[in-house]
Amino acid sequence: MDDAFGFRDAFDLVFCRHVIIYFDRPTQERLLSKLVDNLESGCYLFLGHSETLLGLNLPLCVNV
């Protein structure tokens, strides 16, 4: 995975549904960390029902 996402502005909303389940756990954490780092404070990250954030150290407020 490339270290630079190449986005200039932060995201207000990210849909990443049914994608991260195909990666191993370390890659999932790196991907989600990059998405969260580019997410505006107070905005939303949507994941699929089969994906989990359990055990990941991410600065998120989780709503189910």
C-alpha atoms as a PDB file:
ATOM      1  CA  MET A   1       0.000   0.000   0.000  1.00  0.00           C
ATOM      2  CA  ASP A   2       1.288   3.422  -0.945  1.00  0.00           C
ATOM      3  CA  ASP A   3       2.169   5.596   2.060  1.00  0.00           C
ATOM      4  CA  ALA A   4       0.668   8.729   0.486  1.00  0.00           C
ATOM      5  CA  PHE A   5      -3.022   8.756  -0.354  1.00  0.00           C
ATOM      6  CA  GLY A   6      -2.575  11.872  -2.466  1.00  0.00           C
ATOM      7  CA  PHE A   7      -5.688  13.693  -1.233  1.00  0.00           C
ATOM      8  CA  ARG A   8      -5.442  17.400  -0.486  1.00  0.00           C
ATOM      9  CA  ASP A   9      -8.670  17.838   1.475  1.00  0.00           C
ATOM     10  CA  ALA A  10     -10.157  15.834   4.330  1.00  0.00           C
ATOM     11  CA  PHE A  11     -13.242  13.664   3.850  1.00  0.00           C
ATOM     12  CA  ASP A  12     -16.645  14.378   5.367  1.00  0.00           C
ATOM     13  CA  LEU A  13     -17.922  10.903   4.579  1.00  0.00           C
ATOM     14  CA  VAL A  14     -16.232   7.593   3.683  1.00  0.00           C
ATOM     15  CA  PHE A  15     -18.008   4.425   2.562  1.00  0.00           C
ATOM     16  CA  CYS A  16     -15.762   1.381   2.822  1.00  0.00           C
ATOM     17  CA  ARG A  17     -18.368  -1.366   2.787  1.00  0.00           C
ATOM     18  CA  HIS A  18     -17.359  -4.980   2.256  1.00  0.00           C
ATOM     19  CA  VAL A  19     -13.819  -4.079   1.248  1.00  0.00           C
ATOM     20  CA  ILE A  20     -11.487  -4.507   4.223  1.00  0.00           C
ATOM     21  CA  ILE A  21     -12.581  -8.099   4.875  1.00  0.00           C
ATOM     22  CA  TYR A  22     -10.376  -9.131   1.946  1.00  0.00           C
ATOM     23  CA  PHE A  23      -7.171  -7.820   3.582  1.00  0.00           C
ATOM     24  CA  ASP A  24      -5.127  -9.292   6.416  1.00  0.00           C
ATOM     25  CA  ARG A  25      -5.409  -7.613   9.827  1.00  0.00           C
ATOM     26  CA  PRO A  26      -2.230  -5.463   9.608  1.00  0.00           C
ATOM     27  CA  THR A  27      -3.305  -4.143   6.184  1.00  0.00           C
ATOM     28  CA  GLN A  28      -6.811  -3.447   7.496  1.00  0.00           C
ATOM     29  CA  GLU A  29      -5.358  -1.395  10.341  1.00  0.00           C
ATOM     30  CA  ARG A  30      -3.063   0.572   8.013  1.00  0.00           C
ATOM     31  CA  LEU A  31      -5.909   1.282   5.574  1.00  0.00           C
ATOM     32  CA  LEU A  32      -8.344   2.341   8.278  1.00  0.00           C
ATOM     33  CA  SER A  33      -5.698   4.497   9.976  1.00  0.00           C
ATOM     34  CA  LYS A  34      -5.115   6.333   6.692  1.00  0.00           C
ATOM     35  CA  LEU A  35      -8.845   6.832   6.144  1.00  0.00           C
ATOM     36  CA  VAL A  36      -9.355   8.089   9.708  1.00  0.00           C
ATOM     37  CA  ASP A  37      -6.372  10.442   9.400  1.00  0.00           C
ATOM     38  CA  ASN A  38      -8.047  11.976   6.323  1.00  0.00           C
ATOM     39  CA  LEU A  39     -11.514  12.167   7.899  1.00  0.00           C
ATOM     40  CA  GLU A  40     -12.783  15.506   9.211  1.00  0.00           C
ATOM     41  CA  SER A  41     -13.514  15.584  12.933  1.00  0.00           C
ATOM     42  CA  GLY A  42     -17.154  14.727  13.607  1.00  0.00           C
ATOM     43  CA  CYS A  43     -17.686  13.125  10.197  1.00  0.00           C
ATOM     44  CA  TYR A  44     -18.572   9.543   9.242  1.00  0.00           C
ATOM     45  CA  LEU A  45     -16.906   6.287   8.220  1.00  0.00           C
ATOM     46  CA  PHE A  46     -19.317   3.564   7.086  1.00  0.00           C
ATOM     47  CA  LEU A  47     -18.247  -0.089   7.093  1.00  0.00           C
ATOM     48  CA  GLY A  48     -20.089  -3.244   6.076  1.00  0.00           C
ATOM     49  CA  HIS A  49     -21.833  -5.480   8.602  1.00  0.00           C
ATOM     50  CA  SER A  50     -19.134  -8.162   8.309  1.00  0.00           C
ATOM     51  CA  GLU A  51     -16.285  -5.753   9.069  1.00  0.00           C
ATOM     52  CA  THR A  52     -15.138  -4.928  12.574  1.00  0.00           C
ATOM     53  CA  LEU A  53     -13.068  -2.306  14.356  1.00  0.00           C
ATOM     54  CA  LEU A  54     -12.616  -4.449  17.460  1.00  0.00           C
ATOM     55  CA  GLY A  55      -9.023  -4.611  18.604  1.00  0.00           C
ATOM     56  CA  LEU A  56      -7.920  -1.714  16.411  1.00  0.00           C
ATOM     57  CA  ASN A  57      -6.468   1.407  17.979  1.00  0.00           C
ATOM     58  CA  LEU A  58      -8.286   4.097  15.988  1.00  0.00           C
ATOM     59  CA  PRO A  59      -9.430   7.539  17.202  1.00  0.00           C
ATOM     60  CA  LEU A  60     -13.104   6.960  16.413  1.00  0.00           C
ATOM     61  CA  CYS A  61     -16.430   7.303  18.157  1.00  0.00           C
ATOM     62  CA  VAL A  62     -18.333   4.118  17.243  1.00  0.00           C
ATOM     63  CA  ASN A  63     -22.082   4.241  16.529  1.00  0.00           C
ATOM     64  CA  VAL A  64     -23.941   1.072  15.706  1.00  0.00           C
END
